[in-house]
Structure formats: structure tokens, C-alpha cells
Amino acid sequence: MRLGAGFQLVRANVQLKRDIRFPRQDGGVDVGGSAWGVGANVGVQVEAVKQYLSFGVTYRSAVGLDFEGDAHFNNVPRGLAGTIHDQAVTTQFTMPDQLALGVATHPIKKLVIDFDAVWFGWSKVREINIKFQDAASASLNSRRRRTGATGSTSTSAPRAS
């Protein structure tokens, strides 16, 4: 049996773009930020039949990220420029935990056949709420929807709304 454990130091960057429909023109906002987070992982591998069949399981913890960044608005009508303007933004996001199970067989010396299944806890992500420094701009968060994704070898992150 093999055991392993470790920690994760995660650097994350995010850039979100969204169109904004003003009454007489279209504008947009570009939001970008970065964060650091810390998590842990643990794994075990058991050789059920020596040199022929092994099983493994790994767990990677969720990682909390406190993003800080900036919002840049473009093509804002003059009448709204005092309310909707470039400013600092923050948001909190948790990268979901992961559980992986695997089985491997070695039918001949130079061949390994394996199967892995990975569960990602995306269902825990309900929304991404961006907080604008100027509370008057917070109305841009009014449309929320539940999104999520799962995958086995890759995932797509939920989209901000």
C-alpha cells in the first residue's frame, strides 16, 4: 500500500467580459482579478494482485479564493458616467473538491491499462457575486442563474451572470 498527502498553493486569475445594453447604445464591462488559495490532497494506492492489479483513490480539497481586481466599463452613456465607472471589484469563489478512483492492470510487463473516474463538486457553486467598490454599480449583479459543469479529465468553470 502507498499513501501520499500534500498541500496545494493555488494562483488563480479571472477575466470576465459582459455586454451591457443601455437604452440607446450598447456598452460593456471587462472585469479581471487574481487570488491565492491553499488546499490539501491525499491519496492511497493498493496493489490487490502483485504486478497485475491495483486500485487507487485520491481526494483534493476545495480551495477558497478571495479575488481582488478591477472593472473597466466602456461606451457608457454620459448621463450614467457618474454612476457606472471604472472601479475596484472583489469576489469570493471556491474551487470545488475532487474525488478520483482508479483501477489499473498490467497484463504484460510493458503494458498498463487503467480506468479513472473523477467527481468534481461543481454543484456547490451556485453563483459568482461580484462586489463593486461603488455600491451604485451593484445593480449589474441583478441577473443570476445557476450554472455548473462536470467532467472526467477536464472541466469548464461556471460562467458569471
C-alpha atoms as a PDB file:
ATOM      1  CA  MET A   1       0.000   0.000   0.000  1.00  0.00           C
ATOM      2  CA  ARG A   2       1.191   3.511  -0.856  1.00  0.00           C
ATOM      3  CA  LEU A   3      -0.008   6.656   0.919  1.00  0.00           C
ATOM      4  CA  GLY A   4       0.525  10.231  -0.090  1.00  0.00           C
ATOM      5  CA  ALA A   5      -0.528  13.644   1.142  1.00  0.00           C
ATOM      6  CA  GLY A   6       0.325  17.195   0.268  1.00  0.00           C
ATOM      7  CA  PHE A   7      -0.849  20.748   0.023  1.00  0.00           C
ATOM      8  CA  GLN A   8      -1.864  22.928  -2.879  1.00  0.00           C
ATOM      9  CA  LEU A   9      -0.830  26.517  -3.331  1.00  0.00           C
ATOM     10  CA  VAL A  10      -3.201  27.816  -5.996  1.00  0.00           C
ATOM     11  CA  ARG A  11      -2.776  31.020  -8.006  1.00  0.00           C
ATOM     12  CA  ALA A  12      -5.898  31.963  -9.939  1.00  0.00           C
ATOM     13  CA  ASN A  13      -6.628  34.691 -12.452  1.00  0.00           C
ATOM     14  CA  VAL A  14     -10.022  35.533 -13.886  1.00  0.00           C
ATOM     15  CA  GLN A  15     -11.203  37.767 -16.684  1.00  0.00           C
ATOM     16  CA  LEU A  16     -14.904  38.200 -17.396  1.00  0.00           C
ATOM     17  CA  LYS A  17     -16.449  40.230 -20.214  1.00  0.00           C
ATOM     18  CA  ARG A  18     -20.076  41.183 -20.454  1.00  0.00           C
ATOM     19  CA  ASP A  19     -22.115  43.284 -22.836  1.00  0.00           C
ATOM     20  CA  ILE A  20     -24.378  45.910 -21.285  1.00  0.00           C
ATOM     21  CA  ARG A  21     -27.475  47.173 -23.086  1.00  0.00           C
ATOM     22  CA  PHE A  22     -28.090  50.802 -22.280  1.00  0.00           C
ATOM     23  CA  PRO A  23     -31.335  52.435 -23.520  1.00  0.00           C
ATOM     24  CA  ARG A  24     -29.751  53.971 -26.647  1.00  0.00           C
ATOM     25  CA  GLN A  25     -26.443  52.175 -27.064  1.00  0.00           C
ATOM     26  CA  ASP A  26     -24.507  49.062 -26.196  1.00  0.00           C
ATOM     27  CA  GLY A  27     -21.586  49.103 -23.801  1.00  0.00           C
ATOM     28  CA  GLY A  28     -19.604  46.568 -21.896  1.00  0.00           C
ATOM     29  CA  VAL A  29     -17.579  45.734 -18.845  1.00  0.00           C
ATOM     30  CA  ASP A  30     -14.287  43.867 -18.523  1.00  0.00           C
ATOM     31  CA  VAL A  31     -13.639  42.512 -15.027  1.00  0.00           C
ATOM     32  CA  GLY A  32     -10.312  40.999 -14.061  1.00  0.00           C
ATOM     33  CA  GLY A  33      -8.738  39.882 -10.831  1.00  0.00           C
ATOM     34  CA  SER A  34      -6.426  37.439  -9.131  1.00  0.00           C
ATOM     35  CA  ALA A  35      -6.196  35.454  -5.911  1.00  0.00           C
ATOM     36  CA  TRP A  36      -4.166  32.913  -3.969  1.00  0.00           C
ATOM     37  CA  GLY A  37      -5.646  29.906  -2.176  1.00  0.00           C
ATOM     38  CA  VAL A  38      -4.480  26.903  -0.188  1.00  0.00           C
ATOM     39  CA  GLY A  39      -5.817  23.355  -0.148  1.00  0.00           C
ATOM     40  CA  ALA A  40      -4.775  19.795   0.601  1.00  0.00           C
ATOM     41  CA  ASN A  41      -4.771  16.421  -1.102  1.00  0.00           C
ATOM     42  CA  VAL A  42      -4.442  12.821  -0.019  1.00  0.00           C
ATOM     43  CA  GLY A  43      -4.231   9.543  -1.896  1.00  0.00           C
ATOM     44  CA  VAL A  44      -3.841   5.828  -1.409  1.00  0.00           C
ATOM     45  CA  GLN A  45      -2.912   3.047  -3.835  1.00  0.00           C
ATOM     46  CA  VAL A  46      -3.309  -0.654  -3.119  1.00  0.00           C
ATOM     47  CA  GLU A  47      -1.745  -3.417  -5.159  1.00  0.00           C
ATOM     48  CA  ALA A  48      -4.510  -6.043  -4.980  1.00  0.00           C
ATOM     49  CA  VAL A  49      -2.706  -8.636  -7.103  1.00  0.00           C
ATOM     50  CA  LYS A  50       1.044  -8.027  -7.123  1.00  0.00           C
ATOM     51  CA  GLN A  51       2.290  -6.733 -10.506  1.00  0.00           C
ATOM     52  CA  TYR A  52      -1.150  -7.293 -12.065  1.00  0.00           C
ATOM     53  CA  LEU A  53      -3.988  -5.299 -10.466  1.00  0.00           C
ATOM     54  CA  SER A  54      -4.010  -2.104  -8.407  1.00  0.00           C
ATOM     55  CA  PHE A  55      -6.636   0.294  -7.095  1.00  0.00           C
ATOM     56  CA  GLY A  56      -6.274   3.922  -6.090  1.00  0.00           C
ATOM     57  CA  VAL A  57      -8.261   6.793  -4.663  1.00  0.00           C
ATOM     58  CA  THR A  58      -7.341  10.465  -4.299  1.00  0.00           C
ATOM     59  CA  TYR A  59      -9.094  13.412  -2.717  1.00  0.00           C
ATOM     60  CA  ARG A  60      -8.309  17.055  -3.431  1.00  0.00           C
ATOM     61  CA  SER A  61      -9.905  19.601  -1.105  1.00  0.00           C
ATOM     62  CA  ALA A  62     -11.881  22.638  -2.130  1.00  0.00           C
ATOM     63  CA  VAL A  63      -9.819  25.845  -2.365  1.00  0.00           C
ATOM     64  CA  GLY A  64     -11.267  29.190  -1.315  1.00  0.00           C
ATOM     65  CA  LEU A  65     -10.186  32.185  -3.393  1.00  0.00           C
ATOM     66  CA  ASP A  66     -10.718  35.859  -2.489  1.00  0.00           C
ATOM     67  CA  PHE A  67     -10.338  37.744  -5.769  1.00  0.00           C
ATOM     68  CA  GLU A  68      -9.398  41.415  -5.991  1.00  0.00           C
ATOM     69  CA  GLY A  69      -9.314  43.242  -9.278  1.00  0.00           C
ATOM     70  CA  ASP A  70     -10.710  45.989 -11.457  1.00  0.00           C
ATOM     71  CA  ALA A  71     -13.752  46.626 -13.620  1.00  0.00           C
ATOM     72  CA  HIS A  72     -13.371  48.661 -16.800  1.00  0.00           C
ATOM     73  CA  PHE A  73     -16.583  49.948 -18.365  1.00  0.00           C
ATOM     74  CA  ASN A  74     -16.721  51.029 -21.998  1.00  0.00           C
ATOM     75  CA  ASN A  75     -19.177  53.037 -24.062  1.00  0.00           C
ATOM     76  CA  VAL A  76     -21.154  54.244 -21.015  1.00  0.00           C
ATOM     77  CA  PRO A  77     -23.694  56.985 -21.844  1.00  0.00           C
ATOM     78  CA  ARG A  78     -22.735  60.396 -20.473  1.00  0.00           C
ATOM     79  CA  GLY A  79     -25.766  60.523 -18.197  1.00  0.00           C
ATOM     80  CA  LEU A  80     -24.646  57.329 -16.417  1.00  0.00           C
ATOM     81  CA  ALA A  81     -20.898  58.018 -16.331  1.00  0.00           C
ATOM     82  CA  GLY A  82     -21.097  59.277 -12.736  1.00  0.00           C
ATOM     83  CA  THR A  83     -22.754  56.054 -11.610  1.00  0.00           C
ATOM     84  CA  ILE A  84     -21.134  53.436 -13.826  1.00  0.00           C
ATOM     85  CA  HIS A  85     -17.371  53.964 -13.973  1.00  0.00           C
ATOM     86  CA  ASP A  86     -14.083  52.070 -13.698  1.00  0.00           C
ATOM     87  CA  GLN A  87     -13.510  50.827 -10.157  1.00  0.00           C
ATOM     88  CA  ALA A  88     -12.145  48.097  -7.903  1.00  0.00           C
ATOM     89  CA  VAL A  89     -14.058  44.818  -7.563  1.00  0.00           C
ATOM     90  CA  THR A  90     -13.897  41.790  -5.275  1.00  0.00           C
ATOM     91  CA  THR A  91     -15.479  38.352  -5.285  1.00  0.00           C
ATOM     92  CA  GLN A  92     -15.132  35.073  -3.466  1.00  0.00           C
ATOM     93  CA  PHE A  93     -15.062  31.767  -5.256  1.00  0.00           C
ATOM     94  CA  THR A  94     -14.385  28.228  -4.092  1.00  0.00           C
ATOM     95  CA  MET A  95     -12.778  25.779  -6.465  1.00  0.00           C
ATOM     96  CA  PRO A  96     -14.660  22.522  -5.825  1.00  0.00           C
ATOM     97  CA  ASP A  97     -13.250  19.454  -4.197  1.00  0.00           C
ATOM     98  CA  GLN A  98     -12.433  16.386  -6.293  1.00  0.00           C
ATOM     99  CA  LEU A  99     -12.564  12.661  -5.678  1.00  0.00           C
ATOM    100  CA  ALA A 100     -10.885  10.257  -8.094  1.00  0.00           C
ATOM    101  CA  LEU A 101     -10.997   6.473  -8.225  1.00  0.00           C
ATOM    102  CA  GLY A 102      -8.817   4.327 -10.427  1.00  0.00           C
ATOM    103  CA  VAL A 103      -8.032   0.760 -11.315  1.00  0.00           C
ATOM    104  CA  ALA A 104      -5.036  -0.444 -13.313  1.00  0.00           C
ATOM    105  CA  THR A 105      -3.996  -3.783 -14.713  1.00  0.00           C
ATOM    106  CA  HIS A 106      -0.631  -4.914 -16.089  1.00  0.00           C
ATOM    107  CA  PRO A 107      -1.466  -7.817 -18.426  1.00  0.00           C
ATOM    108  CA  ILE A 108       2.091  -7.850 -19.781  1.00  0.00           C
ATOM    109  CA  LYS A 109       5.279  -6.269 -18.463  1.00  0.00           C
ATOM    110  CA  LYS A 110       5.360  -3.183 -20.737  1.00  0.00           C
ATOM    111  CA  LEU A 111       1.595  -2.500 -20.876  1.00  0.00           C
ATOM    112  CA  VAL A 112      -0.650  -0.772 -18.342  1.00  0.00           C
ATOM    113  CA  ILE A 113      -4.391  -0.463 -18.884  1.00  0.00           C
ATOM    114  CA  ASP A 114      -6.169   1.829 -16.494  1.00  0.00           C
ATOM    115  CA  PHE A 115      -9.559   3.378 -15.865  1.00  0.00           C
ATOM    116  CA  ASP A 116     -10.151   6.540 -13.860  1.00  0.00           C
ATOM    117  CA  ALA A 117     -13.362   8.226 -12.748  1.00  0.00           C
ATOM    118  CA  VAL A 118     -13.268  11.730 -11.302  1.00  0.00           C
ATOM    119  CA  TRP A 119     -16.033  13.549  -9.449  1.00  0.00           C
ATOM    120  CA  PHE A 120     -15.917  17.358  -9.254  1.00  0.00           C
ATOM    121  CA  GLY A 121     -18.092  19.158  -6.696  1.00  0.00           C
ATOM    122  CA  TRP A 122     -19.350  21.853  -9.081  1.00  0.00           C
ATOM    123  CA  SER A 123     -22.893  21.509  -7.695  1.00  0.00           C
ATOM    124  CA  LYS A 124     -21.717  23.510  -4.665  1.00  0.00           C
ATOM    125  CA  VAL A 125     -21.139  26.561  -6.883  1.00  0.00           C
ATOM    126  CA  ARG A 126     -24.411  28.500  -7.001  1.00  0.00           C
ATOM    127  CA  GLU A 127     -23.354  31.943  -8.200  1.00  0.00           C
ATOM    128  CA  ILE A 128     -20.448  34.292  -8.591  1.00  0.00           C
ATOM    129  CA  ASN A 129     -21.370  37.593  -6.981  1.00  0.00           C
ATOM    130  CA  ILE A 130     -19.059  40.441  -7.980  1.00  0.00           C
ATOM    131  CA  LYS A 131     -18.909  43.279  -5.480  1.00  0.00           C
ATOM    132  CA  PHE A 132     -18.222  46.709  -6.960  1.00  0.00           C
ATOM    133  CA  GLN A 133     -16.448  49.303  -4.831  1.00  0.00           C
ATOM    134  CA  ASP A 134     -19.139  51.862  -5.702  1.00  0.00           C
ATOM    135  CA  ALA A 135     -22.456  50.442  -4.464  1.00  0.00           C
ATOM    136  CA  ALA A 136     -24.361  52.312  -7.215  1.00  0.00           C
ATOM    137  CA  SER A 137     -22.862  49.937  -9.801  1.00  0.00           C
ATOM    138  CA  ALA A 138     -24.001  46.835  -7.899  1.00  0.00           C
ATOM    139  CA  SER A 139     -27.228  46.682  -9.915  1.00  0.00           C
ATOM    140  CA  LEU A 140     -25.213  44.901 -12.620  1.00  0.00           C
ATOM    141  CA  ASN A 141     -25.439  41.778 -10.417  1.00  0.00           C
ATOM    142  CA  SER A 142     -29.229  41.627 -10.614  1.00  0.00           C
ATOM    143  CA  ARG A 143     -29.430  38.751 -13.164  1.00  0.00           C
ATOM    144  CA  ARG A 144     -28.319  35.486 -11.593  1.00  0.00           C
ATOM    145  CA  ARG A 145     -28.663  31.971 -12.863  1.00  0.00           C
ATOM    146  CA  ARG A 146     -27.450  28.615 -11.668  1.00  0.00           C
ATOM    147  CA  THR A 147     -24.752  27.105 -13.849  1.00  0.00           C
ATOM    148  CA  GLY A 148     -22.263  24.311 -13.433  1.00  0.00           C
ATOM    149  CA  ALA A 149     -20.252  21.634 -15.170  1.00  0.00           C
ATOM    150  CA  THR A 150     -18.768  18.237 -14.542  1.00  0.00           C
ATOM    151  CA  GLY A 151     -16.114  16.288 -16.333  1.00  0.00           C
ATOM    152  CA  SER A 152     -13.706  13.419 -16.121  1.00  0.00           C
ATOM    153  CA  THR A 153     -10.473  14.838 -17.437  1.00  0.00           C
ATOM    154  CA  SER A 154     -11.336  18.481 -17.877  1.00  0.00           C
ATOM    155  CA  THR A 155     -13.943  20.922 -16.662  1.00  0.00           C
ATOM    156  CA  SER A 156     -15.348  24.231 -17.682  1.00  0.00           C
ATOM    157  CA  ALA A 157     -15.917  26.707 -14.926  1.00  0.00           C
ATOM    158  CA  PRO A 158     -19.347  28.156 -14.269  1.00  0.00           C
ATOM    159  CA  ARG A 159     -20.000  31.371 -16.094  1.00  0.00           C
ATOM    160  CA  ALA A 160     -20.695  34.549 -14.183  1.00  0.00           C
ATOM    161  CA  SER A 161     -24.049  36.108 -14.778  1.00  0.00           C
END
